[in-house]
Protein backbone atom coordinates (compact mmCIF):
# COMPACT_ATOMS: atom_id res chain seq x y z
CA MET A 1 -20.20 -47.03 77.29
CA PHE A 2 -23.58 -45.31 77.59
CA TYR A 3 -26.87 -46.54 76.19
CA ARG A 4 -30.19 -44.89 75.51
CA VAL A 5 -33.31 -47.05 75.83
CA LEU A 6 -35.58 -46.63 72.85
CA SER A 7 -39.29 -47.24 73.29
CA THR A 8 -41.06 -49.35 70.71
CA GLY A 9 -44.50 -47.81 71.24
CA ASP A 10 -47.15 -50.01 72.83
CA ASN A 11 -44.81 -52.98 72.93
CA GLU A 12 -43.18 -53.37 76.33
CA MET A 13 -39.95 -54.50 74.70
CA ALA A 14 -37.22 -51.91 74.34
CA THR A 15 -33.99 -51.77 72.39
CA LYS A 16 -30.68 -50.17 73.28
CA GLU A 17 -28.78 -47.68 71.18
CA GLU A 18 -25.23 -46.63 71.97
CA VAL A 19 -24.90 -42.97 72.88
CA SER A 20 -21.56 -41.62 71.72
CA LYS A 21 -22.01 -38.31 73.55
CA PRO A 22 -22.93 -38.76 77.23
CA GLN A 23 -23.66 -35.00 77.37
CA GLN A 24 -26.84 -35.73 75.39
CA HIS A 25 -28.18 -38.18 77.96
CA ILE A 26 -31.28 -36.92 79.76
CA LEU A 27 -29.75 -37.52 83.21
CA VAL A 28 -26.50 -35.61 82.54
CA PRO A 29 -26.79 -31.94 83.60
CA LYS A 30 -25.55 -29.08 81.44
CA HIS A 31 -21.77 -28.51 81.67
CA GLU A 32 -20.10 -25.28 80.53
CA LYS A 33 -16.47 -24.20 80.57
CA LEU A 34 -15.97 -20.77 82.16
CA SER A 35 -13.79 -18.19 80.45
CA GLU A 36 -10.73 -16.92 82.33
CA LYS A 37 -12.63 -13.70 83.13
CA GLU A 38 -15.63 -15.63 84.51
CA LYS A 39 -13.30 -17.89 86.50
CA LYS A 40 -11.54 -14.89 88.08
CA GLU A 41 -14.88 -13.21 88.92
CA LEU A 42 -16.24 -16.42 90.49
CA LEU A 43 -13.18 -16.95 92.69
CA GLU A 44 -13.14 -13.29 93.78
CA LYS A 45 -16.89 -13.19 94.45
CA HIS A 46 -16.69 -16.16 96.81
CA SER A 47 -13.21 -15.31 98.20
CA ILE A 48 -11.86 -18.76 97.39
CA SER A 49 -8.94 -20.21 95.49
CA PHE A 50 -9.10 -22.72 92.67
CA GLU A 51 -7.85 -25.44 95.01
CA GLN A 52 -10.93 -25.01 97.22
CA LEU A 53 -13.36 -25.95 94.43
CA PRO A 54 -14.71 -29.50 94.20
CA ARG A 55 -12.94 -31.46 91.45
CA ILE A 56 -13.84 -32.90 88.09
CA PHE A 57 -11.45 -34.86 85.91
CA ALA A 58 -10.60 -33.13 82.63
CA ASN A 59 -11.30 -36.43 80.85
CA ASP A 60 -14.71 -36.96 82.51
CA PRO A 61 -17.25 -38.24 79.93
CA ALA A 62 -19.62 -35.35 80.75
CA VAL A 63 -17.07 -32.78 79.51
CA ARG A 64 -15.74 -34.78 76.57
CA GLY A 65 -15.24 -32.56 73.54
CA MET A 66 -15.21 -29.33 75.56
CA ASN A 67 -11.40 -28.96 75.48
CA ILE A 68 -11.19 -28.92 79.30
CA LYS A 69 -7.67 -28.67 80.73
CA THR A 70 -6.25 -28.73 84.24
CA GLY A 71 -7.02 -25.38 85.88
CA ASP A 72 -10.29 -24.76 84.02
CA VAL A 73 -13.56 -24.26 85.89
CA VAL A 74 -16.71 -26.09 84.79
CA LYS A 75 -20.17 -24.71 85.57
CA ILE A 76 -22.78 -27.46 86.06
CA THR A 77 -26.46 -26.49 85.93
CA ARG A 78 -28.86 -29.09 87.29
CA GLN A 79 -32.64 -28.96 87.09
CA SER A 80 -34.28 -29.11 90.51
CA MET A 81 -37.92 -29.76 91.33
CA THR A 82 -37.73 -27.52 94.38
CA ALA A 83 -35.33 -24.76 93.34
CA GLY A 84 -35.91 -24.65 89.58
CA HIS A 85 -32.23 -25.11 88.90
CA THR A 86 -29.01 -25.24 90.90
CA VAL A 87 -25.51 -24.27 89.81
CA TYR A 88 -22.33 -26.03 90.85
CA TYR A 89 -18.73 -25.28 89.97
CA ARG A 90 -15.93 -27.79 89.60
CA GLY A 91 -12.20 -27.29 89.12
CA ALA A 92 -10.69 -29.50 86.41
CA ILE A 93 -7.73 -31.70 87.32
CA GLY A 94 -5.72 -34.26 85.35
CA GLU A 95 -5.75 -34.65 81.59
């Protein structure tokens, strides 16, 4: 279960609110499912096979609601203070 801390203004006390969609949490980077065409282009561009990609579970909370299945590729875009943003790819396993 994920929680978001809500500020109460000047008061140093804070309350917790349940976050039903972890994808909306400020610390969770953007996740996108690649199309079959994008997946094929990615694998060809880097001369790799799907099995060589790092893994992500298809039921990972960060991809909940994205209809991710085994064999799909997920593009993860993280904000970086030094590089602006970085892109990672993960191969989905398990359902």
